[in-house]
Amino acid sequence: MAENGEIKSTNGTAGTLDKEDVPPRDDRLSEAPGFLAAAQGPWSVEAVVAAIPGEPPETNSSSPVPFFHMLERLKTMKREGWRRFGIKHGESIADHMYRMSLICMFAPPSLSSKLNIPHCSKMALVHDMAEALVGDITPVDGIPKSEKNRRESTTMDYFTKSLLGKVNGGITGQELKDIWQEYEDSETLESKFVHDVDKLELVLQMVEYERVYERQLDLGEFSWVAGRIVLPEVKAWAEEVLREREVFWGGKAHTNFYEVSKLDVKLLAQKFEHDGGKESGEVEEKS
C-alpha cells in the first residue's frame, strides 16, 4: 500500500485506471425511480411506486398478477457498479440472480450433503428482490447501511403484504419474506453459501466484461470480494476464475486486489463497506 493510503495491486500498479485504457464513465444519475425519489426527497415506497409509468400496481388483490408485473423491473434495472465504468448495457439484477440460482445447483458433495439446495436456489432468486424499487445501491451513492436496510425491508413488506398478502392466503408472500430475511441475517449455512455465490457471480462477470473489452477495461477493483468468500469450495471456484484472469491479462499491467484484500482488510472494509445487514464473511480487523 502506498504511503498516502492508495491501495496498490499485487503487480505493483495503482488501484486506478488510465483514462486512455477505459471508455468514458457514465456519471449520470441512475434512471431507476428508487434513486430519483431519493434525490427528490426522503425515500419511500409510495414515492417510488407513484413514479412507475402507467397505473400503480393493484394492492390487496387475490391475484399475483400485479406482483408479476413488478418483477419485470428486475429484468430491466441494471447493476450500477458496472455503469460507473461505461458499461451502459450490462447485466440486470435479474441476470445476476438467475446465474446465482444455477450456480447453487452445482455445489460439490462436500457442501450439497449439508445444504438444502432447492432452498439455496430460491434464496438466490429472492435476495436482491427489493432492488426492484430500491435500486442497486453502491458505495459511491453515500447511503448509510441503516438507510439501505430500511428501504429494502420496507420494500419487501410492500411486496409480501400489500401485493401478496391475499394471494394463497399470504403464505407465498410470507415465504418470500422469510427467505429474504434469512439471507440478510446470514446465520444459516444456506445463507452463508448464497452470500459466497453472490461474490463468485460478481467475479465471473468482472472477468467476462474484461474479455469483451479486450484488455481495454480493467475491472480489478472488484476482485477484492473474492477475499471475503468464506466456504472453501466456493473460494476454490473464485480462485480458478482469478487464475484465468491472470492468464488473460498476460504481461499487461492490471489491478488485482484479491491478495491485497487478505493483507489489509481494515482499509478495504472502510473503503467498500456498504452491504446491508450482517453478512457472512464480513471483513474484520486482524489482530
C-alpha atoms as a PDB file:
ATOM      1  CA  MET A   1       0.000   0.000   0.000  1.00  0.00           C
ATOM      2  CA  ALA A   2       1.305   3.442  -0.886  1.00  0.00           C
ATOM      3  CA  GLU A   3       2.181   5.883   1.902  1.00  0.00           C
ATOM      4  CA  ASN A   4      -0.746   8.121   1.001  1.00  0.00           C
ATOM      5  CA  GLY A   5      -3.159   5.256   1.665  1.00  0.00           C
ATOM      6  CA  GLU A   6      -3.716   4.385  -2.002  1.00  0.00           C
ATOM      7  CA  ILE A   7      -4.232   0.677  -2.469  1.00  0.00           C
ATOM      8  CA  LYS A   8      -1.654  -0.964  -4.710  1.00  0.00           C
ATOM      9  CA  SER A   9      -2.336  -4.130  -6.647  1.00  0.00           C
ATOM     10  CA  THR A  10      -0.224  -7.255  -6.280  1.00  0.00           C
ATOM     11  CA  ASN A  11       1.590  -6.476  -9.536  1.00  0.00           C
ATOM     12  CA  GLY A  12       2.627  -3.041  -8.304  1.00  0.00           C
ATOM     13  CA  THR A  13       0.186  -0.935 -10.266  1.00  0.00           C
ATOM     14  CA  ALA A  14      -2.051   1.547  -8.539  1.00  0.00           C
ATOM     15  CA  GLY A  15      -5.699   0.798  -7.995  1.00  0.00           C
ATOM     16  CA  THR A  16      -6.717   3.433 -10.562  1.00  0.00           C
ATOM     17  CA  LEU A  17      -7.170   3.216 -14.317  1.00  0.00           C
ATOM     18  CA  ASP A  18      -5.546   5.308 -17.038  1.00  0.00           C
ATOM     19  CA  LYS A  19      -8.083   7.393 -18.934  1.00  0.00           C
ATOM     20  CA  GLU A  20      -6.904   6.081 -22.278  1.00  0.00           C
ATOM     21  CA  ASP A  21      -7.497   2.485 -21.172  1.00  0.00           C
ATOM     22  CA  VAL A  22     -11.210   2.720 -20.448  1.00  0.00           C
ATOM     23  CA  PRO A  23     -14.322   4.061 -22.158  1.00  0.00           C
ATOM     24  CA  PRO A  24     -15.890   7.196 -20.639  1.00  0.00           C
ATOM     25  CA  ARG A  25     -17.765   6.503 -17.430  1.00  0.00           C
ATOM     26  CA  ASP A  26     -21.480   7.056 -17.237  1.00  0.00           C
ATOM     27  CA  ASP A  27     -21.784   9.562 -14.404  1.00  0.00           C
ATOM     28  CA  ARG A  28     -25.441  10.377 -14.999  1.00  0.00           C
ATOM     29  CA  LEU A  29     -27.917   9.906 -12.204  1.00  0.00           C
ATOM     30  CA  SER A  30     -29.386   6.426 -12.430  1.00  0.00           C
ATOM     31  CA  GLU A  31     -32.745   6.331 -14.137  1.00  0.00           C
ATOM     32  CA  ALA A  32     -34.066   3.940 -11.514  1.00  0.00           C
ATOM     33  CA  PRO A  33     -37.045   5.536  -9.736  1.00  0.00           C
ATOM     34  CA  GLY A  34     -35.603   4.419  -6.408  1.00  0.00           C
ATOM     35  CA  PHE A  35     -32.727   6.809  -6.928  1.00  0.00           C
ATOM     36  CA  LEU A  36     -34.875   9.565  -8.409  1.00  0.00           C
ATOM     37  CA  ALA A  37     -37.196   9.504  -5.416  1.00  0.00           C
ATOM     38  CA  ALA A  38     -34.234   9.622  -3.074  1.00  0.00           C
ATOM     39  CA  ALA A  39     -32.803  12.595  -4.931  1.00  0.00           C
ATOM     40  CA  GLN A  40     -36.085  14.495  -4.795  1.00  0.00           C
ATOM     41  CA  GLY A  41     -36.826  13.953  -1.118  1.00  0.00           C
ATOM     42  CA  PRO A  42     -36.974  11.361   1.676  1.00  0.00           C
ATOM     43  CA  TRP A  43     -37.167   7.882   0.182  1.00  0.00           C
ATOM     44  CA  SER A  44     -40.430   5.966   0.476  1.00  0.00           C
ATOM     45  CA  VAL A  45     -42.037   3.024  -1.275  1.00  0.00           C
ATOM     46  CA  GLU A  46     -45.062   5.191  -2.012  1.00  0.00           C
ATOM     47  CA  ALA A  47     -42.952   7.813  -3.813  1.00  0.00           C
ATOM     48  CA  VAL A  48     -41.195   5.218  -5.941  1.00  0.00           C
ATOM     49  CA  VAL A  49     -44.408   3.357  -6.836  1.00  0.00           C
ATOM     50  CA  ALA A  50     -46.082   6.648  -7.786  1.00  0.00           C
ATOM     51  CA  ALA A  51     -43.261   7.283 -10.279  1.00  0.00           C
ATOM     52  CA  ILE A  52     -43.724   3.957 -12.087  1.00  0.00           C
ATOM     53  CA  PRO A  53     -45.057   4.593 -15.630  1.00  0.00           C
ATOM     54  CA  GLY A  54     -48.708   3.719 -16.068  1.00  0.00           C
ATOM     55  CA  GLU A  55     -51.056   2.672 -13.311  1.00  0.00           C
ATOM     56  CA  PRO A  56     -49.588   1.743  -9.912  1.00  0.00           C
ATOM     57  CA  PRO A  57     -49.905  -1.981  -9.201  1.00  0.00           C
ATOM     58  CA  GLU A  58     -53.170  -3.043  -7.581  1.00  0.00           C
ATOM     59  CA  THR A  59     -52.799  -3.764  -3.873  1.00  0.00           C
ATOM     60  CA  ASN A  60     -54.702  -6.219  -1.682  1.00  0.00           C
ATOM     61  CA  SER A  61     -55.548  -8.361  -4.694  1.00  0.00           C
ATOM     62  CA  SER A  62     -56.120 -12.106  -4.549  1.00  0.00           C
ATOM     63  CA  SER A  63     -54.267 -12.378  -7.862  1.00  0.00           C
ATOM     64  CA  PRO A  64     -50.445 -12.486  -8.102  1.00  0.00           C
ATOM     65  CA  VAL A  65     -50.500 -10.707 -11.492  1.00  0.00           C
ATOM     66  CA  PRO A  66     -49.700  -7.228 -10.061  1.00  0.00           C
ATOM     67  CA  PHE A  67     -46.604  -8.752  -8.444  1.00  0.00           C
ATOM     68  CA  PHE A  68     -45.687 -10.484 -11.704  1.00  0.00           C
ATOM     69  CA  HIS A  69     -45.635  -7.066 -13.373  1.00  0.00           C
ATOM     70  CA  MET A  70     -43.430  -5.701 -10.593  1.00  0.00           C
ATOM     71  CA  LEU A  71     -40.865  -8.429 -11.246  1.00  0.00           C
ATOM     72  CA  GLU A  72     -40.341  -7.014 -14.749  1.00  0.00           C
ATOM     73  CA  ARG A  73     -38.361  -4.210 -13.151  1.00  0.00           C
ATOM     74  CA  LEU A  74     -35.692  -6.683 -12.060  1.00  0.00           C
ATOM     75  CA  LYS A  75     -35.245  -7.689 -15.706  1.00  0.00           C
ATOM     76  CA  THR A  76     -34.616  -4.127 -16.885  1.00  0.00           C
ATOM     77  CA  MET A  77     -32.818  -2.457 -13.958  1.00  0.00           C
ATOM     78  CA  LYS A  78     -29.053  -2.548 -14.414  1.00  0.00           C
ATOM     79  CA  ARG A  79     -26.426  -3.374 -11.822  1.00  0.00           C
ATOM     80  CA  GLU A  80     -24.959   0.041 -11.052  1.00  0.00           C
ATOM     81  CA  GLY A  81     -21.341  -0.888 -10.329  1.00  0.00           C
ATOM     82  CA  TRP A  82     -20.658  -1.647 -13.986  1.00  0.00           C
ATOM     83  CA  ARG A  83     -22.279   1.565 -15.214  1.00  0.00           C
ATOM     84  CA  ARG A  84     -19.541   3.557 -13.462  1.00  0.00           C
ATOM     85  CA  PHE A  85     -17.104   2.052 -15.953  1.00  0.00           C
ATOM     86  CA  GLY A  86     -19.135   2.968 -19.013  1.00  0.00           C
ATOM     87  CA  ILE A  87     -20.864  -0.404 -19.367  1.00  0.00           C
ATOM     88  CA  LYS A  88     -24.291   1.028 -20.126  1.00  0.00           C
ATOM     89  CA  HIS A  89     -25.942  -2.144 -21.406  1.00  0.00           C
ATOM     90  CA  GLY A  90     -24.667  -4.558 -18.797  1.00  0.00           C
ATOM     91  CA  GLU A  91     -26.359  -7.196 -16.720  1.00  0.00           C
ATOM     92  CA  SER A  92     -29.645  -6.610 -14.973  1.00  0.00           C
ATOM     93  CA  ILE A  93     -30.429  -7.519 -11.382  1.00  0.00           C
ATOM     94  CA  ALA A  94     -32.429 -10.499 -12.656  1.00  0.00           C
ATOM     95  CA  ASP A  95     -29.464 -11.643 -14.788  1.00  0.00           C
ATOM     96  CA  HIS A  96     -27.287 -11.677 -11.685  1.00  0.00           C
ATOM     97  CA  MET A  97     -29.771 -13.609  -9.556  1.00  0.00           C
ATOM     98  CA  TYR A  98     -30.568 -16.140 -12.293  1.00  0.00           C
ATOM     99  CA  ARG A  99     -26.948 -17.261 -12.703  1.00  0.00           C
ATOM    100  CA  MET A 100     -26.589 -17.397  -8.918  1.00  0.00           C
ATOM    101  CA  SER A 101     -29.578 -19.756  -8.689  1.00  0.00           C
ATOM    102  CA  LEU A 102     -27.976 -22.120 -11.194  1.00  0.00           C
ATOM    103  CA  ILE A 103     -24.557 -21.949  -9.537  1.00  0.00           C
ATOM    104  CA  CYS A 104     -26.189 -23.096  -6.307  1.00  0.00           C
ATOM    105  CA  MET A 105     -27.226 -26.306  -8.048  1.00  0.00           C
ATOM    106  CA  PHE A 106     -23.556 -27.183  -8.660  1.00  0.00           C
ATOM    107  CA  ALA A 107     -22.500 -27.326  -5.017  1.00  0.00           C
ATOM    108  CA  PRO A 108     -19.999 -30.201  -4.686  1.00  0.00           C
ATOM    109  CA  PRO A 109     -20.903 -33.202  -2.486  1.00  0.00           C
ATOM    110  CA  SER A 110     -18.904 -31.813   0.436  1.00  0.00           C
ATOM    111  CA  LEU A 111     -21.438 -28.959   0.530  1.00  0.00           C
ATOM    112  CA  SER A 112     -24.586 -30.390  -1.032  1.00  0.00           C
ATOM    113  CA  SER A 113     -24.721 -33.125   1.609  1.00  0.00           C
ATOM    114  CA  LYS A 114     -25.151 -30.376   4.236  1.00  0.00           C
ATOM    115  CA  LEU A 115     -27.343 -27.950   2.287  1.00  0.00           C
ATOM    116  CA  ASN A 116     -30.935 -27.680   1.158  1.00  0.00           C
ATOM    117  CA  ILE A 117     -30.007 -26.889  -2.460  1.00  0.00           C
ATOM    118  CA  PRO A 118     -33.532 -26.028  -3.726  1.00  0.00           C
ATOM    119  CA  HIS A 119     -33.811 -23.600  -0.813  1.00  0.00           C
ATOM    120  CA  CYS A 120     -30.481 -22.029  -1.780  1.00  0.00           C
ATOM    121  CA  SER A 121     -31.649 -21.543  -5.359  1.00  0.00           C
ATOM    122  CA  LYS A 122     -34.811 -19.869  -4.078  1.00  0.00           C
ATOM    123  CA  MET A 123     -32.726 -17.606  -1.872  1.00  0.00           C
ATOM    124  CA  ALA A 124     -30.525 -16.624  -4.810  1.00  0.00           C
ATOM    125  CA  LEU A 125     -33.652 -15.609  -6.746  1.00  0.00           C
ATOM    126  CA  VAL A 126     -35.064 -13.598  -3.838  1.00  0.00           C
ATOM    127  CA  HIS A 127     -32.063 -11.949  -2.157  1.00  0.00           C
ATOM    128  CA  ASP A 128     -31.989  -8.790  -4.347  1.00  0.00           C
ATOM    129  CA  MET A 129     -35.722  -8.612  -4.991  1.00  0.00           C
ATOM    130  CA  ALA A 130     -36.097  -5.341  -3.079  1.00  0.00           C
ATOM    131  CA  GLU A 131     -33.880  -3.638  -5.648  1.00  0.00           C
ATOM    132  CA  ALA A 132     -36.886  -3.589  -7.980  1.00  0.00           C
ATOM    133  CA  LEU A 133     -37.865  -0.423  -6.098  1.00  0.00           C
ATOM    134  CA  VAL A 134     -34.774   0.461  -4.064  1.00  0.00           C
ATOM    135  CA  GLY A 135     -32.344   0.216  -6.965  1.00  0.00           C
ATOM    136  CA  ASP A 136     -28.834  -1.225  -6.845  1.00  0.00           C
ATOM    137  CA  ILE A 137     -27.171   0.899  -4.160  1.00  0.00           C
ATOM    138  CA  THR A 138     -23.371   1.062  -4.438  1.00  0.00           C
ATOM    139  CA  PRO A 139     -20.668   2.575  -2.183  1.00  0.00           C
ATOM    140  CA  VAL A 140     -20.448   5.774  -4.254  1.00  0.00           C
ATOM    141  CA  ASP A 141     -24.095   6.590  -3.551  1.00  0.00           C
ATOM    142  CA  GLY A 142     -23.270   7.572   0.021  1.00  0.00           C
ATOM    143  CA  ILE A 143     -26.342   5.893   1.528  1.00  0.00           C
ATOM    144  CA  PRO A 144     -25.729   4.518   5.067  1.00  0.00           C
ATOM    145  CA  LYS A 145     -26.215   0.808   5.681  1.00  0.00           C
ATOM    146  CA  SER A 146     -29.030   1.517   8.128  1.00  0.00           C
ATOM    147  CA  GLU A 147     -30.921   3.501   5.482  1.00  0.00           C
ATOM    148  CA  LYS A 148     -30.279   0.855   2.838  1.00  0.00           C
ATOM    149  CA  ASN A 149     -31.637  -1.769   5.227  1.00  0.00           C
ATOM    150  CA  ARG A 150     -34.735   0.329   5.942  1.00  0.00           C
ATOM    151  CA  ARG A 151     -35.518   0.804   2.275  1.00  0.00           C
ATOM    152  CA  GLU A 152     -35.111  -2.869   1.450  1.00  0.00           C
ATOM    153  CA  SER A 153     -37.116  -4.116   4.428  1.00  0.00           C
ATOM    154  CA  THR A 154     -39.917  -1.629   3.712  1.00  0.00           C
ATOM    155  CA  THR A 155     -39.986  -2.723   0.080  1.00  0.00           C
ATOM    156  CA  MET A 156     -40.176  -6.412   0.998  1.00  0.00           C
ATOM    157  CA  ASP A 157     -43.078  -5.650   3.332  1.00  0.00           C
ATOM    158  CA  TYR A 158     -44.837  -3.875   0.455  1.00  0.00           C
ATOM    159  CA  PHE A 159     -44.279  -6.849  -1.866  1.00  0.00           C
ATOM    160  CA  THR A 160     -45.239  -9.573   0.578  1.00  0.00           C
ATOM    161  CA  LYS A 161     -48.120  -7.814   2.354  1.00  0.00           C
ATOM    162  CA  SER A 162     -49.618  -5.189   0.045  1.00  0.00           C
ATOM    163  CA  LEU A 163     -49.158  -7.134  -3.202  1.00  0.00           C
ATOM    164  CA  LEU A 164     -49.160 -10.743  -1.982  1.00  0.00           C
ATOM    165  CA  GLY A 165     -50.924 -10.588   1.381  1.00  0.00           C
ATOM    166  CA  LYS A 166     -54.154 -12.032  -0.037  1.00  0.00           C
ATOM    167  CA  VAL A 167     -52.567 -14.393  -2.576  1.00  0.00           C
ATOM    168  CA  ASN A 168     -52.755 -18.019  -1.456  1.00  0.00           C
ATOM    169  CA  GLY A 169     -53.706 -16.793   1.992  1.00  0.00           C
ATOM    170  CA  GLY A 170     -50.483 -14.793   2.196  1.00  0.00           C
ATOM    171  CA  ILE A 171     -48.406 -17.967   2.547  1.00  0.00           C
ATOM    172  CA  THR A 172     -46.257 -17.470  -0.556  1.00  0.00           C
ATOM    173  CA  GLY A 173     -45.555 -13.853   0.279  1.00  0.00           C
ATOM    174  CA  GLN A 174     -44.506 -14.738   3.818  1.00  0.00           C
ATOM    175  CA  GLU A 175     -42.221 -17.459   2.471  1.00  0.00           C
ATOM    176  CA  LEU A 176     -40.500 -14.897   0.217  1.00  0.00           C
ATOM    177  CA  LYS A 177     -40.023 -12.509   3.140  1.00  0.00           C
ATOM    178  CA  ASP A 178     -38.676 -15.295   5.365  1.00  0.00           C
ATOM    179  CA  ILE A 179     -36.164 -16.391   2.728  1.00  0.00           C
ATOM    180  CA  TRP A 180     -35.060 -12.797   2.157  1.00  0.00           C
ATOM    181  CA  GLN A 181     -34.645 -12.241   5.908  1.00  0.00           C
ATOM    182  CA  GLU A 182     -32.659 -15.459   6.255  1.00  0.00           C
ATOM    183  CA  TYR A 183     -30.229 -14.152   3.661  1.00  0.00           C
ATOM    184  CA  GLU A 184     -29.967 -10.798   5.457  1.00  0.00           C
ATOM    185  CA  ASP A 185     -29.359 -12.442   8.841  1.00  0.00           C
ATOM    186  CA  SER A 186     -26.698 -14.738   7.334  1.00  0.00           C
ATOM    187  CA  GLU A 187     -26.760 -17.250  10.162  1.00  0.00           C
ATOM    188  CA  THR A 188     -27.674 -20.497   8.382  1.00  0.00           C
ATOM    189  CA  LEU A 189     -25.243 -22.478   6.258  1.00  0.00           C
ATOM    190  CA  GLU A 190     -27.547 -21.994   3.269  1.00  0.00           C
ATOM    191  CA  SER A 191     -27.399 -18.206   3.612  1.00  0.00           C
ATOM    192  CA  LYS A 192     -23.605 -18.229   4.003  1.00  0.00           C
ATOM    193  CA  PHE A 193     -23.341 -20.334   0.850  1.00  0.00           C
ATOM    194  CA  VAL A 194     -25.580 -17.957  -1.129  1.00  0.00           C
ATOM    195  CA  HIS A 195     -23.588 -14.943   0.106  1.00  0.00           C
ATOM    196  CA  ASP A 196     -20.451 -16.629  -1.226  1.00  0.00           C
ATOM    197  CA  VAL A 197     -22.147 -17.415  -4.535  1.00  0.00           C
ATOM    198  CA  ASP A 198     -23.162 -13.740  -4.755  1.00  0.00           C
ATOM    199  CA  LYS A 199     -19.488 -12.760  -4.618  1.00  0.00           C
ATOM    200  CA  LEU A 200     -18.449 -15.503  -7.038  1.00  0.00           C
ATOM    201  CA  GLU A 201     -21.007 -14.324  -9.596  1.00  0.00           C
ATOM    202  CA  LEU A 202     -19.580 -10.802  -9.413  1.00  0.00           C
ATOM    203  CA  VAL A 203     -16.036 -12.112 -10.010  1.00  0.00           C
ATOM    204  CA  LEU A 204     -17.245 -14.121 -13.003  1.00  0.00           C
ATOM    205  CA  GLN A 205     -18.948 -11.071 -14.509  1.00  0.00           C
ATOM    206  CA  MET A 206     -15.896  -8.894 -13.877  1.00  0.00           C
ATOM    207  CA  VAL A 207     -13.684 -11.211 -15.929  1.00  0.00           C
ATOM    208  CA  GLU A 208     -16.293 -11.591 -18.672  1.00  0.00           C
ATOM    209  CA  TYR A 209     -16.601  -7.835 -19.178  1.00  0.00           C
ATOM    210  CA  GLU A 210     -12.825  -7.510 -19.332  1.00  0.00           C
ATOM    211  CA  ARG A 211     -12.798 -10.127 -22.100  1.00  0.00           C
ATOM    212  CA  VAL A 212     -15.495  -8.261 -24.029  1.00  0.00           C
ATOM    213  CA  TYR A 213     -13.422  -5.064 -23.883  1.00  0.00           C
ATOM    214  CA  GLU A 214     -10.254  -6.964 -24.892  1.00  0.00           C
ATOM    215  CA  ARG A 215      -7.997  -5.703 -22.076  1.00  0.00           C
ATOM    216  CA  GLN A 216      -9.060  -2.083 -22.595  1.00  0.00           C
ATOM    217  CA  LEU A 217     -11.123  -2.098 -19.390  1.00  0.00           C
ATOM    218  CA  ASP A 218      -9.560  -3.029 -16.037  1.00  0.00           C
ATOM    219  CA  LEU A 219     -12.225  -4.003 -13.510  1.00  0.00           C
ATOM    220  CA  GLY A 220      -9.735  -5.340 -10.978  1.00  0.00           C
ATOM    221  CA  GLU A 221     -11.066  -3.167  -8.180  1.00  0.00           C
ATOM    222  CA  PHE A 222     -13.897  -5.685  -7.861  1.00  0.00           C
ATOM    223  CA  SER A 223     -11.514  -8.618  -7.296  1.00  0.00           C
ATOM    224  CA  TRP A 224     -11.265  -7.823  -3.579  1.00  0.00           C
ATOM    225  CA  VAL A 225     -14.632  -9.501  -2.960  1.00  0.00           C
ATOM    226  CA  ALA A 226     -13.070 -12.903  -3.636  1.00  0.00           C
ATOM    227  CA  GLY A 227     -11.111 -12.448  -0.419  1.00  0.00           C
ATOM    228  CA  ARG A 228     -14.383 -12.299   1.523  1.00  0.00           C
ATOM    229  CA  ILE A 229     -15.623 -15.693   0.347  1.00  0.00           C
ATOM    230  CA  VAL A 230     -15.815 -17.995   3.355  1.00  0.00           C
ATOM    231  CA  LEU A 231     -16.566 -21.544   2.220  1.00  0.00           C
ATOM    232  CA  PRO A 232     -13.507 -23.276   0.750  1.00  0.00           C
ATOM    233  CA  GLU A 233     -15.465 -24.894  -2.081  1.00  0.00           C
ATOM    234  CA  VAL A 234     -16.692 -21.530  -3.385  1.00  0.00           C
ATOM    235  CA  LYS A 235     -13.317 -19.918  -2.760  1.00  0.00           C
ATOM    236  CA  ALA A 236     -11.735 -22.587  -4.978  1.00  0.00           C
ATOM    237  CA  TRP A 237     -14.106 -21.625  -7.819  1.00  0.00           C
ATOM    238  CA  ALA A 238     -13.261 -17.948  -7.390  1.00  0.00           C
ATOM    239  CA  GLU A 239      -9.538 -18.614  -7.386  1.00  0.00           C
ATOM    240  CA  GLU A 240      -9.906 -20.623 -10.585  1.00  0.00           C
ATOM    241  CA  VAL A 241     -11.632 -17.644 -12.222  1.00  0.00           C
ATOM    242  CA  LEU A 242      -8.903 -15.279 -10.997  1.00  0.00           C
ATOM    243  CA  ARG A 243      -6.203 -17.596 -12.396  1.00  0.00           C
ATOM    244  CA  GLU A 244      -8.000 -17.439 -15.740  1.00  0.00           C
ATOM    245  CA  ARG A 245      -7.916 -13.649 -15.433  1.00  0.00           C
ATOM    246  CA  GLU A 246      -4.146 -13.584 -14.872  1.00  0.00           C
ATOM    247  CA  VAL A 247      -3.612 -15.710 -17.985  1.00  0.00           C
ATOM    248  CA  PHE A 248      -5.918 -13.416 -19.949  1.00  0.00           C
ATOM    249  CA  TRP A 249      -4.058 -10.234 -18.965  1.00  0.00           C
ATOM    250  CA  GLY A 250      -0.655 -11.832 -19.554  1.00  0.00           C
ATOM    251  CA  GLY A 251       2.105  -9.276 -19.188  1.00  0.00           C
ATOM    252  CA  LYS A 252      -0.104  -6.196 -19.443  1.00  0.00           C
ATOM    253  CA  ALA A 253      -0.395  -4.112 -16.262  1.00  0.00           C
ATOM    254  CA  HIS A 254      -3.681  -4.567 -14.425  1.00  0.00           C
ATOM    255  CA  THR A 255      -5.103  -4.250 -10.939  1.00  0.00           C
ATOM    256  CA  ASN A 256      -5.584  -7.200  -8.616  1.00  0.00           C
ATOM    257  CA  PHE A 257      -6.958  -6.560  -5.150  1.00  0.00           C
ATOM    258  CA  TYR A 258      -7.535 -10.188  -4.201  1.00  0.00           C
ATOM    259  CA  GLU A 259      -4.241 -10.680  -2.377  1.00  0.00           C
ATOM    260  CA  VAL A 260      -4.372  -7.138  -1.017  1.00  0.00           C
ATOM    261  CA  SER A 261      -7.811  -7.846   0.446  1.00  0.00           C
ATOM    262  CA  LYS A 262      -6.310 -10.577   2.585  1.00  0.00           C
ATOM    263  CA  LEU A 263      -3.455  -8.344   3.770  1.00  0.00           C
ATOM    264  CA  ASP A 264      -5.272  -5.108   4.570  1.00  0.00           C
ATOM    265  CA  VAL A 265      -8.854  -5.984   5.350  1.00  0.00           C
ATOM    266  CA  LYS A 266      -9.372  -2.996   7.636  1.00  0.00           C
ATOM    267  CA  LEU A 267      -8.686  -0.479   4.879  1.00  0.00           C
ATOM    268  CA  LEU A 268     -10.838  -2.369   2.401  1.00  0.00           C
ATOM    269  CA  ALA A 269     -13.686  -2.598   4.886  1.00  0.00           C
ATOM    270  CA  GLN A 270     -13.598   1.169   5.321  1.00  0.00           C
ATOM    271  CA  LYS A 271     -13.349   1.772   1.586  1.00  0.00           C
ATOM    272  CA  PHE A 272     -16.043  -0.591   0.381  1.00  0.00           C
ATOM    273  CA  GLU A 273     -18.418  -1.166   3.314  1.00  0.00           C
ATOM    274  CA  HIS A 274     -21.956  -0.873   2.020  1.00  0.00           C
ATOM    275  CA  ASP A 275     -23.683  -4.260   2.234  1.00  0.00           C
ATOM    276  CA  GLY A 276     -26.968  -4.167   4.130  1.00  0.00           C
ATOM    277  CA  GLY A 277     -27.427  -6.339   7.198  1.00  0.00           C
ATOM    278  CA  LYS A 278     -25.000  -8.817   8.700  1.00  0.00           C
ATOM    279  CA  GLU A 279     -23.098 -10.631   6.003  1.00  0.00           C
ATOM    280  CA  SER A 280     -21.294 -13.938   6.056  1.00  0.00           C
ATOM    281  CA  GLY A 281     -17.570 -13.457   5.800  1.00  0.00           C
ATOM    282  CA  GLU A 282     -17.865  -9.860   6.938  1.00  0.00           C
ATOM    283  CA  VAL A 283     -14.482  -8.192   6.956  1.00  0.00           C
ATOM    284  CA  GLU A 284     -12.951  -7.940  10.391  1.00  0.00           C
ATOM    285  CA  GLU A 285      -9.779  -6.271  11.575  1.00  0.00           C
ATOM    286  CA  LYS A 286      -6.953  -8.742  12.015  1.00  0.00           C
ATOM    287  CA  SER A 287      -5.239  -8.750  15.358  1.00  0.00           C
END
